[in-house]
Amino acid sequence: MPLSEHEERILAEIERQLAAEDPRFVARARRNRSGPSRSLRLRIAVGMAVLGVLSLLGLTFSIAWGAVGMGLLLGAILLGVSALRERSDAPAETAPVPPDEMS
């Protein structure tokens, strides 16, 4: 269920207050929310693709091996494409830390 305009304004105000009171927490929360890095997801996708090809070679022994290989290849393609589409040149959204709070 989507939020009403009033609820969205309240949440935006709470976020602004939190950013003003504790900018370090906001920066850490934004970093942690992003998930695995782009390069890690690309490495995982390549590993999945290699395993998928090896599993496809097992198709000569069993249809199940071929199905596993196809699933791994499909997952590798989806993960790789999503990692490549991520904008790595986007500026980081971090609030500046006042000099008196740096330690």
PDB file of N, CA and C in Angstrom:
ATOM      1  N   MET A   1       0.847  -1.166   0.000  1.00  0.00           N
ATOM      2  CA  MET A   1       0.000   0.000   0.000  1.00  0.00           C
ATOM      3  C   MET A   1       0.900   1.238   0.000  1.00  0.00           C
ATOM      4  N   PRO A   2       0.744   2.125  -0.982  1.00  0.00           N
ATOM      5  CA  PRO A   2       1.588   3.314  -1.065  1.00  0.00           C
ATOM      6  C   PRO A   2       1.274   4.309   0.057  1.00  0.00           C
ATOM      7  N   LEU A   3       2.286   5.119   0.365  1.00  0.00           N
ATOM      8  CA  LEU A   3       2.120   6.137   1.396  1.00  0.00           C
ATOM      9  C   LEU A   3       1.388   7.348   0.831  1.00  0.00           C
ATOM     10  N   SER A   4       0.651   8.003   1.708  1.00  0.00           N
ATOM     11  CA  SER A   4      -0.017   9.235   1.295  1.00  0.00           C
ATOM     12  C   SER A   4       1.021  10.365   1.243  1.00  0.00           C
ATOM     13  N   GLU A   5       0.644  11.484   0.648  1.00  0.00           N
ATOM     14  CA  GLU A   5       1.555  12.626   0.565  1.00  0.00           C
ATOM     15  C   GLU A   5       1.951  13.115   1.953  1.00  0.00           C
ATOM     16  N   HIS A   6       0.987  13.127   2.864  1.00  0.00           N
ATOM     17  CA  HIS A   6       1.256  13.572   4.232  1.00  0.00           C
ATOM     18  C   HIS A   6       2.298  12.668   4.888  1.00  0.00           C
ATOM     19  N   GLU A   7       2.140  11.354   4.728  1.00  0.00           N
ATOM     20  CA  GLU A   7       3.087  10.409   5.325  1.00  0.00           C
ATOM     21  C   GLU A   7       4.469  10.548   4.691  1.00  0.00           C
ATOM     22  N   GLU A   8       4.519  10.780   3.387  1.00  0.00           N
ATOM     23  CA  GLU A   8       5.803  10.972   2.718  1.00  0.00           C
ATOM     24  C   GLU A   8       6.497  12.235   3.215  1.00  0.00           C
ATOM     25  N   ARG A   9       5.729  13.309   3.436  1.00  0.00           N
ATOM     26  CA  ARG A   9       6.320  14.547   3.965  1.00  0.00           C
ATOM     27  C   ARG A   9       6.859  14.330   5.376  1.00  0.00           C
ATOM     28  N   ILE A  10       6.117  13.584   6.201  1.00  0.00           N
ATOM     29  CA  ILE A  10       6.572  13.314   7.573  1.00  0.00           C
ATOM     30  C   ILE A  10       7.872  12.510   7.542  1.00  0.00           C
ATOM     31  N   LEU A  11       7.933  11.470   6.705  1.00  0.00           N
ATOM     32  CA  LEU A  11       9.152  10.660   6.612  1.00  0.00           C
ATOM     33  C   LEU A  11      10.328  11.477   6.090  1.00  0.00           C
ATOM     34  N   ALA A  12      10.079  12.359   5.125  1.00  0.00           N
ATOM     35  CA  ALA A  12      11.152  13.210   4.609  1.00  0.00           C
ATOM     36  C   ALA A  12      11.669  14.149   5.696  1.00  0.00           C
ATOM     37  N   GLU A  13      10.776  14.684   6.509  1.00  0.00           N
ATOM     38  CA  GLU A  13      11.184  15.563   7.606  1.00  0.00           C
ATOM     39  C   GLU A  13      12.000  14.801   8.643  1.00  0.00           C
ATOM     40  N   ILE A  14      11.573  13.579   8.963  1.00  0.00           N
ATOM     41  CA  ILE A  14      12.323  12.748   9.916  1.00  0.00           C
ATOM     42  C   ILE A  14      13.717  12.468   9.362  1.00  0.00           C
ATOM     43  N   GLU A  15      13.813  12.170   8.064  1.00  0.00           N
ATOM     44  CA  GLU A  15      15.115  11.904   7.457  1.00  0.00           C
ATOM     45  C   GLU A  15      16.018  13.130   7.509  1.00  0.00           C
ATOM     46  N   ARG A  16      15.464  14.309   7.245  1.00  0.00           N
ATOM     47  CA  ARG A  16      16.263  15.539   7.315  1.00  0.00           C
ATOM     48  C   ARG A  16      16.761  15.795   8.733  1.00  0.00           C
ATOM     49  N   GLN A  17      15.893  15.565   9.732  1.00  0.00           N
ATOM     50  CA  GLN A  17      16.304  15.763  11.119  1.00  0.00           C
ATOM     51  C   GLN A  17      17.404  14.786  11.505  1.00  0.00           C
ATOM     52  N   LEU A  18      17.264  13.528  11.095  1.00  0.00           N
ATOM     53  CA  LEU A  18      18.273  12.527  11.412  1.00  0.00           C
ATOM     54  C   LEU A  18      19.603  12.880  10.752  1.00  0.00           C
ATOM     55  N   ALA A  19      19.559  13.328   9.500  1.00  0.00           N
ATOM     56  CA  ALA A  19      20.785  13.720   8.804  1.00  0.00           C
ATOM     57  C   ALA A  19      21.452  14.903   9.497  1.00  0.00           C
ATOM     58  N   ALA A  20      20.657  15.821  10.040  1.00  0.00           N
ATOM     59  CA  ALA A  20      21.221  16.979  10.734  1.00  0.00           C
ATOM     60  C   ALA A  20      21.813  16.579  12.080  1.00  0.00           C
ATOM     61  N   GLU A  21      21.164  15.637  12.783  1.00  0.00           N
ATOM     62  CA  GLU A  21      21.616  15.238  14.119  1.00  0.00           C
ATOM     63  C   GLU A  21      22.787  14.264  14.080  1.00  0.00           C
ATOM     64  N   ASP A  22      22.785  13.316  13.146  1.00  0.00           N
ATOM     65  CA  ASP A  22      23.827  12.294  13.119  1.00  0.00           C
ATOM     66  C   ASP A  22      24.200  11.945  11.676  1.00  0.00           C
ATOM     67  N   PRO A  23      25.015  12.774  11.035  1.00  0.00           N
ATOM     68  CA  PRO A  23      25.367  12.527   9.633  1.00  0.00           C
ATOM     69  C   PRO A  23      26.185  11.251   9.425  1.00  0.00           C
ATOM     70  N   ARG A  24      26.978  10.866  10.419  1.00  0.00           N
ATOM     71  CA  ARG A  24      27.766   9.629  10.289  1.00  0.00           C
ATOM     72  C   ARG A  24      26.858   8.412  10.196  1.00  0.00           C
ATOM     73  N   PHE A  25      25.834   8.376  11.016  1.00  0.00           N
ATOM     74  CA  PHE A  25      24.893   7.249  10.978  1.00  0.00           C
ATOM     75  C   PHE A  25      24.221   7.156   9.615  1.00  0.00           C
ATOM     76  N   VAL A  26      23.811   8.302   9.080  1.00  0.00           N
ATOM     77  CA  VAL A  26      23.147   8.324   7.777  1.00  0.00           C
ATOM     78  C   VAL A  26      24.100   7.814   6.699  1.00  0.00           C
ATOM     79  N   ALA A  27      25.366   8.239   6.748  1.00  0.00           N
ATOM     80  CA  ALA A  27      26.343   7.787   5.755  1.00  0.00           C
ATOM     81  C   ALA A  27      26.560   6.282   5.861  1.00  0.00           C
ATOM     82  N   ARG A  28      26.669   5.762   7.090  1.00  0.00           N
ATOM     83  CA  ARG A  28      26.847   4.303   7.273  1.00  0.00           C
ATOM     84  C   ARG A  28      25.637   3.544   6.790  1.00  0.00           C
ATOM     85  N   ALA A  29      24.446   4.040   7.067  1.00  0.00           N
ATOM     86  CA  ALA A  29      23.222   3.351   6.651  1.00  0.00           C
ATOM     87  C   ALA A  29      23.117   3.317   5.128  1.00  0.00           C
ATOM     88  N   ARG A  30      23.491   4.377   4.461  1.00  0.00           N
ATOM     89  CA  ARG A  30      23.441   4.395   3.000  1.00  0.00           C
ATOM     90  C   ARG A  30      24.467   3.433   2.401  1.00  0.00           C
ATOM     91  N   ARG A  31      25.650   3.360   3.021  1.00  0.00           N
ATOM     92  CA  ARG A  31      26.666   2.425   2.530  1.00  0.00           C
ATOM     93  C   ARG A  31      26.206   0.987   2.699  1.00  0.00           C
ATOM     94  N   ASN A  32      25.628   0.658   3.853  1.00  0.00           N
ATOM     95  CA  ASN A  32      25.217  -0.711   4.146  1.00  0.00           C
ATOM     96  C   ASN A  32      24.014  -1.128   3.320  1.00  0.00           C
ATOM     97  N   ARG A  33      23.185  -0.204   2.918  1.00  0.00           N
ATOM     98  CA  ARG A  33      21.970  -0.528   2.185  1.00  0.00           C
ATOM     99  C   ARG A  33      22.282  -0.927   0.746  1.00  0.00           C
ATOM    100  N   SER A  34      23.414  -0.537   0.235  1.00  0.00           N
ATOM    101  CA  SER A  34      23.705  -0.754  -1.170  1.00  0.00           C
ATOM    102  C   SER A  34      23.974  -2.211  -1.515  1.00  0.00           C
ATOM    103  N   GLY A  35      24.300  -3.071  -0.568  1.00  0.00           N
ATOM    104  CA  GLY A  35      24.528  -4.478  -0.855  1.00  0.00           C
ATOM    105  C   GLY A  35      25.931  -4.722  -1.365  1.00  0.00           C
ATOM    106  N   PRO A  36      26.135  -5.910  -1.954  1.00  0.00           N
ATOM    107  CA  PRO A  36      27.476  -6.248  -2.442  1.00  0.00           C
ATOM    108  C   PRO A  36      27.931  -5.285  -3.531  1.00  0.00           C
ATOM    109  N   SER A  37      29.232  -5.078  -3.598  1.00  0.00           N
ATOM    110  CA  SER A  37      29.762  -4.145  -4.586  1.00  0.00           C
ATOM    111  C   SER A  37      29.587  -4.685  -5.997  1.00  0.00           C
ATOM    112  N   ARG A  38      29.721  -3.795  -6.936  1.00  0.00           N
ATOM    113  CA  ARG A  38      29.545  -4.154  -8.340  1.00  0.00           C
ATOM    114  C   ARG A  38      30.570  -5.197  -8.765  1.00  0.00           C
ATOM    115  N   SER A  39      31.833  -5.003  -8.369  1.00  0.00           N
ATOM    116  CA  SER A  39      32.880  -5.945  -8.773  1.00  0.00           C
ATOM    117  C   SER A  39      32.663  -7.327  -8.160  1.00  0.00           C
ATOM    118  N   LEU A  40      32.162  -7.374  -6.928  1.00  0.00           N
ATOM    119  CA  LEU A  40      31.892  -8.672  -6.306  1.00  0.00           C
ATOM    120  C   LEU A  40      30.776  -9.397  -7.049  1.00  0.00           C
ATOM    121  N   ARG A  41      29.726  -8.671  -7.421  1.00  0.00           N
ATOM    122  CA  ARG A  41      28.635  -9.301  -8.164  1.00  0.00           C
ATOM    123  C   ARG A  41      29.102  -9.786  -9.528  1.00  0.00           C
ATOM    124  N   LEU A  42      29.999  -9.038 -10.179  1.00  0.00           N
ATOM    125  CA  LEU A  42      30.538  -9.481 -11.462  1.00  0.00           C
ATOM    126  C   LEU A  42      31.377 -10.749 -11.301  1.00  0.00           C
ATOM    127  N   ARG A  43      32.184 -10.811 -10.232  1.00  0.00           N
ATOM    128  CA  ARG A  43      32.983 -12.019  -9.992  1.00  0.00           C
ATOM    129  C   ARG A  43      32.097 -13.226  -9.717  1.00  0.00           C
ATOM    130  N   ILE A  44      31.036 -13.027  -8.964  1.00  0.00           N
ATOM    131  CA  ILE A  44      30.100 -14.115  -8.691  1.00  0.00           C
ATOM    132  C   ILE A  44      29.433 -14.570  -9.983  1.00  0.00           C
ATOM    133  N   ALA A  45      29.061 -13.614 -10.840  1.00  0.00           N
ATOM    134  CA  ALA A  45      28.420 -13.956 -12.111  1.00  0.00           C
ATOM    135  C   ALA A  45      29.362 -14.768 -13.002  1.00  0.00           C
ATOM    136  N   VAL A  46      30.635 -14.398 -13.039  1.00  0.00           N
ATOM    137  CA  VAL A  46      31.599 -15.151 -13.846  1.00  0.00           C
ATOM    138  C   VAL A  46      31.764 -16.557 -13.289  1.00  0.00           C
ATOM    139  N   GLY A  47      31.859 -16.674 -11.976  1.00  0.00           N
ATOM    140  CA  GLY A  47      31.962 -17.993 -11.348  1.00  0.00           C
ATOM    141  C   GLY A  47      30.747 -18.864 -11.643  1.00  0.00           C
ATOM    142  N   MET A  48      29.564 -18.259 -11.567  1.00  0.00           N
ATOM    143  CA  MET A  48      28.342 -19.007 -11.885  1.00  0.00           C
ATOM    144  C   MET A  48      28.344 -19.451 -13.340  1.00  0.00           C
ATOM    145  N   ALA A  49      28.835 -18.597 -14.233  1.00  0.00           N
ATOM    146  CA  ALA A  49      28.872 -18.953 -15.655  1.00  0.00           C
ATOM    147  C   ALA A  49      29.821 -20.123 -15.901  1.00  0.00           C
ATOM    148  N   VAL A  50      30.976 -20.107 -15.250  1.00  0.00           N
ATOM    149  CA  VAL A  50      31.926 -21.211 -15.403  1.00  0.00           C
ATOM    150  C   VAL A  50      31.310 -22.505 -14.889  1.00  0.00           C
ATOM    151  N   LEU A  51      30.689 -22.454 -13.716  1.00  0.00           N
ATOM    152  CA  LEU A  51      30.028 -23.652 -13.180  1.00  0.00           C
ATOM    153  C   LEU A  51      28.887 -24.100 -14.086  1.00  0.00           C
ATOM    154  N   GLY A  52      28.186 -23.149 -14.661  1.00  0.00           N
ATOM    155  CA  GLY A  52      27.096 -23.485 -15.567  1.00  0.00           C
ATOM    156  C   GLY A  52      27.578 -24.213 -16.804  1.00  0.00           C
ATOM    157  N   VAL A  53      28.683 -23.749 -17.377  1.00  0.00           N
ATOM    158  CA  VAL A  53      29.238 -24.406 -18.562  1.00  0.00           C
ATOM    159  C   VAL A  53      29.720 -25.809 -18.202  1.00  0.00           C
ATOM    160  N   LEU A  54      30.384 -25.937 -17.051  1.00  0.00           N
ATOM    161  CA  LEU A  54      30.835 -27.263 -16.622  1.00  0.00           C
ATOM    162  C   LEU A  54      29.650 -28.193 -16.383  1.00  0.00           C
ATOM    163  N   SER A  55      28.578 -27.663 -15.823  1.00  0.00           N
ATOM    164  CA  SER A  55      27.388 -28.482 -15.603  1.00  0.00           C
ATOM    165  C   SER A  55      26.741 -28.875 -16.925  1.00  0.00           C
ATOM    166  N   LEU A  56      26.774 -27.968 -17.892  1.00  0.00           N
ATOM    167  CA  LEU A  56      26.235 -28.307 -19.214  1.00  0.00           C
ATOM    168  C   LEU A  56      27.033 -29.438 -19.856  1.00  0.00           C
ATOM    169  N   LEU A  57      28.330 -29.475 -19.606  1.00  0.00           N
ATOM    170  CA  LEU A  57      29.131 -30.584 -20.114  1.00  0.00           C
ATOM    171  C   LEU A  57      28.692 -31.903 -19.472  1.00  0.00           C
ATOM    172  N   GLY A  58      28.154 -31.830 -18.268  1.00  0.00           N
ATOM    173  CA  GLY A  58      27.633 -33.011 -17.602  1.00  0.00           C
ATOM    174  C   GLY A  58      26.318 -33.494 -18.186  1.00  0.00           C
ATOM    175  N   LEU A  59      25.784 -32.758 -19.138  1.00  0.00           N
ATOM    176  CA  LEU A  59      24.541 -33.159 -19.801  1.00  0.00           C
ATOM    177  C   LEU A  59      24.693 -34.519 -20.473  1.00  0.00           C
ATOM    178  N   THR A  60      25.913 -34.876 -20.828  1.00  0.00           N
ATOM    179  CA  THR A  60      26.132 -36.187 -21.445  1.00  0.00           C
ATOM    180  C   THR A  60      25.853 -37.315 -20.462  1.00  0.00           C
ATOM    181  N   PHE A  61      25.905 -37.026 -19.161  1.00  0.00           N
ATOM    182  CA  PHE A  61      25.659 -38.045 -18.146  1.00  0.00           C
ATOM    183  C   PHE A  61      24.217 -38.032 -17.657  1.00  0.00           C
ATOM    184  N   SER A  62      23.637 -36.839 -17.551  1.00  0.00           N
ATOM    185  CA  SER A  62      22.298 -36.740 -16.974  1.00  0.00           C
ATOM    186  C   SER A  62      21.635 -35.441 -17.421  1.00  0.00           C
ATOM    187  N   ILE A  63      20.340 -35.516 -17.645  1.00  0.00           N
ATOM    188  CA  ILE A  63      19.580 -34.323 -18.009  1.00  0.00           C
ATOM    189  C   ILE A  63      19.546 -33.341 -16.835  1.00  0.00           C
ATOM    190  N   ALA A  64      19.584 -33.858 -15.625  1.00  0.00           N
ATOM    191  CA  ALA A  64      19.556 -32.996 -14.440  1.00  0.00           C
ATOM    192  C   ALA A  64      20.770 -32.074 -14.416  1.00  0.00           C
ATOM    193  N   TRP A  65      21.957 -32.599 -14.789  1.00  0.00           N
ATOM    194  CA  TRP A  65      23.147 -31.756 -14.825  1.00  0.00           C
ATOM    195  C   TRP A  65      22.977 -30.624 -15.833  1.00  0.00           C
ATOM    196  N   GLY A  66      22.371 -30.937 -16.966  1.00  0.00           N
ATOM    197  CA  GLY A  66      22.130 -29.901 -17.967  1.00  0.00           C
ATOM    198  C   GLY A  66      21.169 -28.842 -17.475  1.00  0.00           C
ATOM    199  N   ALA A  67      20.139 -29.262 -16.754  1.00  0.00           N
ATOM    200  CA  ALA A  67      19.169 -28.299 -16.218  1.00  0.00           C
ATOM    201  C   ALA A  67      19.836 -27.397 -15.179  1.00  0.00           C
ATOM    202  N   VAL A  68      20.679 -27.971 -14.340  1.00  0.00           N
ATOM    203  CA  VAL A  68      21.401 -27.164 -13.350  1.00  0.00           C
ATOM    204  C   VAL A  68      22.311 -26.170 -14.065  1.00  0.00           C
ATOM    205  N   GLY A  69      22.982 -26.627 -15.110  1.00  0.00           N
ATOM    206  CA  GLY A  69      23.864 -25.739 -15.871  1.00  0.00           C
ATOM    207  C   GLY A  69      23.115 -24.590 -16.510  1.00  0.00           C
ATOM    208  N   MET A  70      21.952 -24.892 -17.083  1.00  0.00           N
ATOM    209  CA  MET A  70      21.149 -23.825 -17.688  1.00  0.00           C
ATOM    210  C   MET A  70      20.690 -22.820 -16.629  1.00  0.00           C
ATOM    211  N   GLY A  71      20.289 -23.320 -15.468  1.00  0.00           N
ATOM    212  CA  GLY A  71      19.876 -22.423 -14.382  1.00  0.00           C
ATOM    213  C   GLY A  71      21.016 -21.530 -13.922  1.00  0.00           C
ATOM    214  N   LEU A  72      22.212 -22.118 -13.800  1.00  0.00           N
ATOM    215  CA  LEU A  72      23.370 -21.323 -13.389  1.00  0.00           C
ATOM    216  C   LEU A  72      23.721 -20.270 -14.438  1.00  0.00           C
ATOM    217  N   LEU A  73      23.652 -20.645 -15.703  1.00  0.00           N
ATOM    218  CA  LEU A  73      23.950 -19.675 -16.751  1.00  0.00           C
ATOM    219  C   LEU A  73      22.928 -18.545 -16.779  1.00  0.00           C
ATOM    220  N   LEU A  74      21.663 -18.877 -16.619  1.00  0.00           N
ATOM    221  CA  LEU A  74      20.631 -17.842 -16.581  1.00  0.00           C
ATOM    222  C   LEU A  74      20.848 -16.903 -15.394  1.00  0.00           C
ATOM    223  N   GLY A  75      21.136 -17.467 -14.231  1.00  0.00           N
ATOM    224  CA  GLY A  75      21.408 -16.633 -13.049  1.00  0.00           C
ATOM    225  C   GLY A  75      22.628 -15.754 -13.242  1.00  0.00           C
ATOM    226  N   ALA A  76      23.674 -16.308 -13.878  1.00  0.00           N
ATOM    227  CA  ALA A  76      24.892 -15.535 -14.127  1.00  0.00           C
ATOM    228  C   ALA A  76      24.607 -14.372 -15.061  1.00  0.00           C
ATOM    229  N   ILE A  77      23.811 -14.621 -16.084  1.00  0.00           N
ATOM    230  CA  ILE A  77      23.477 -13.543 -17.028  1.00  0.00           C
ATOM    231  C   ILE A  77      22.692 -12.445 -16.325  1.00  0.00           C
ATOM    232  N   LEU A  78      21.687 -12.831 -15.551  1.00  0.00           N
ATOM    233  CA  LEU A  78      20.870 -11.827 -14.861  1.00  0.00           C
ATOM    234  C   LEU A  78      21.692 -11.028 -13.859  1.00  0.00           C
ATOM    235  N   LEU A  79      22.536 -11.703 -13.087  1.00  0.00           N
ATOM    236  CA  LEU A  79      23.367 -11.020 -12.095  1.00  0.00           C
ATOM    237  C   LEU A  79      24.385 -10.114 -12.777  1.00  0.00           C
ATOM    238  N   GLY A  80      25.000 -10.602 -13.845  1.00  0.00           N
ATOM    239  CA  GLY A  80      25.989  -9.792 -14.557  1.00  0.00           C
ATOM    240  C   GLY A  80      25.384  -8.561 -15.192  1.00  0.00           C
ATOM    241  N   VAL A  81      24.223  -8.714 -15.807  1.00  0.00           N
ATOM    242  CA  VAL A  81      23.568  -7.567 -16.439  1.00  0.00           C
ATOM    243  C   VAL A  81      23.155  -6.538 -15.393  1.00  0.00           C
ATOM    244  N   SER A  82      22.624  -7.010 -14.254  1.00  0.00           N
ATOM    245  CA  SER A  82      22.221  -6.053 -13.216  1.00  0.00           C
ATOM    246  C   SER A  82      23.429  -5.315 -12.647  1.00  0.00           C
ATOM    247  N   ALA A  83      24.569  -6.003 -12.535  1.00  0.00           N
ATOM    248  CA  ALA A  83      25.773  -5.351 -12.024  1.00  0.00           C
ATOM    249  C   ALA A  83      26.313  -4.347 -13.036  1.00  0.00           C
ATOM    250  N   LEU A  84      26.235  -4.683 -14.320  1.00  0.00           N
ATOM    251  CA  LEU A  84      26.745  -3.770 -15.343  1.00  0.00           C
ATOM    252  C   LEU A  84      25.851  -2.554 -15.523  1.00  0.00           C
ATOM    253  N   ARG A  85      24.561  -2.713 -15.290  1.00  0.00           N
ATOM    254  CA  ARG A  85      23.639  -1.583 -15.442  1.00  0.00           C
ATOM    255  C   ARG A  85      23.743  -0.583 -14.307  1.00  0.00           C
ATOM    256  N   GLU A  86      24.291  -1.006 -13.181  1.00  0.00           N
ATOM    257  CA  GLU A  86      24.407  -0.108 -12.032  1.00  0.00           C
ATOM    258  C   GLU A  86      25.314   1.048 -12.406  1.00  0.00           C
ATOM    259  N   ARG A  87      24.880   2.227 -12.058  1.00  0.00           N
ATOM    260  CA  ARG A  87      25.673   3.414 -12.388  1.00  0.00           C
ATOM    261  C   ARG A  87      26.797   3.571 -11.389  1.00  0.00           C
ATOM    262  N   SER A  88      28.007   3.315 -11.827  1.00  0.00           N
ATOM    263  CA  SER A  88      29.151   3.461 -10.934  1.00  0.00           C
ATOM    264  C   SER A  88      29.625   4.906 -10.869  1.00  0.00           C
ATOM    265  N   ASP A  89      29.189   5.726 -11.815  1.00  0.00           N
ATOM    266  CA  ASP A  89      29.632   7.115 -11.824  1.00  0.00           C
ATOM    267  C   ASP A  89      28.679   8.032 -11.062  1.00  0.00           C
ATOM    268  N   ALA A  90      27.667   7.469 -10.397  1.00  0.00           N
ATOM    269  CA  ALA A  90      26.722   8.290  -9.639  1.00  0.00           C
ATOM    270  C   ALA A  90      27.418   8.855  -8.409  1.00  0.00           C
ATOM    271  N   PRO A  91      27.200  10.113  -8.088  1.00  0.00           N
ATOM    272  CA  PRO A  91      27.845  10.696  -6.907  1.00  0.00           C
ATOM    273  C   PRO A  91      27.276  10.090  -5.628  1.00  0.00           C
ATOM    274  N   ALA A  92      28.139   9.946  -4.654  1.00  0.00           N
ATOM    275  CA  ALA A  92      27.705   9.398  -3.371  1.00  0.00           C
ATOM    276  C   ALA A  92      26.825  10.411  -2.660  1.00  0.00           C
ATOM    277  N   GLU A  93      25.758   9.923  -2.045  1.00  0.00           N
ATOM    278  CA  GLU A  93      24.831  10.802  -1.338  1.00  0.00           C
ATOM    279  C   GLU A  93      25.167  10.790   0.146  1.00  0.00           C
ATOM    280  N   THR A  94      26.206  11.487   0.504  1.00  0.00           N
ATOM    281  CA  THR A  94      26.585  11.536   1.908  1.00  0.00           C
ATOM    282  C   THR A  94      26.508  12.971   2.385  1.00  0.00           C
ATOM    283  N   ALA A  95      26.078  13.109   3.601  1.00  0.00           N
ATOM    284  CA  ALA A  95      26.001  14.440   4.197  1.00  0.00           C
ATOM    285  C   ALA A  95      27.381  14.831   4.672  1.00  0.00           C
ATOM    286  N   PRO A  96      27.772  16.080   4.509  1.00  0.00           N
ATOM    287  CA  PRO A  96      29.091  16.493   4.969  1.00  0.00           C
ATOM    288  C   PRO A  96      29.157  16.443   6.495  1.00  0.00           C
ATOM    289  N   VAL A  97      30.297  16.005   6.991  1.00  0.00           N
ATOM    290  CA  VAL A  97      30.503  15.924   8.437  1.00  0.00           C
ATOM    291  C   VAL A  97      31.146  17.225   8.896  1.00  0.00           C
ATOM    292  N   PRO A  98      30.497  17.889   9.859  1.00  0.00           N
ATOM    293  CA  PRO A  98      31.082  19.137  10.373  1.00  0.00           C
ATOM    294  C   PRO A  98      32.458  18.873  10.979  1.00  0.00           C
ATOM    295  N   PRO A  99      33.406  19.825  10.877  1.00  0.00           N
ATOM    296  CA  PRO A  99      34.775  19.605  11.359  1.00  0.00           C
ATOM    297  C   PRO A  99      34.849  19.276  12.840  1.00  0.00           C
ATOM    298  N   ASP A 100      33.941  19.807  13.652  1.00  0.00           N
ATOM    299  CA  ASP A 100      34.020  19.559  15.091  1.00  0.00           C
ATOM    300  C   ASP A 100      33.585  18.135  15.447  1.00  0.00           C
ATOM    301  N   GLU A 101      32.940  17.406  14.531  1.00  0.00           N
ATOM    302  CA  GLU A 101      32.515  16.029  14.815  1.00  0.00           C
ATOM    303  C   GLU A 101      33.473  15.006  14.245  1.00  0.00           C
ATOM    304  N   MET A 102      34.497  15.431  13.532  1.00  0.00           N
ATOM    305  CA  MET A 102      35.474  14.502  12.967  1.00  0.00           C
ATOM    306  C   MET A 102      36.432  14.063  14.071  1.00  0.00           C
ATOM    307  N   SER A 103      36.634  12.751  14.106  1.00  0.00           N
ATOM    308  CA  SER A 103      37.628  12.266  15.095  1.00  0.00           C
ATOM    309  C   SER A 103      38.239  10.988  14.654  1.00  0.00           C
TER     310      SER A 103
END
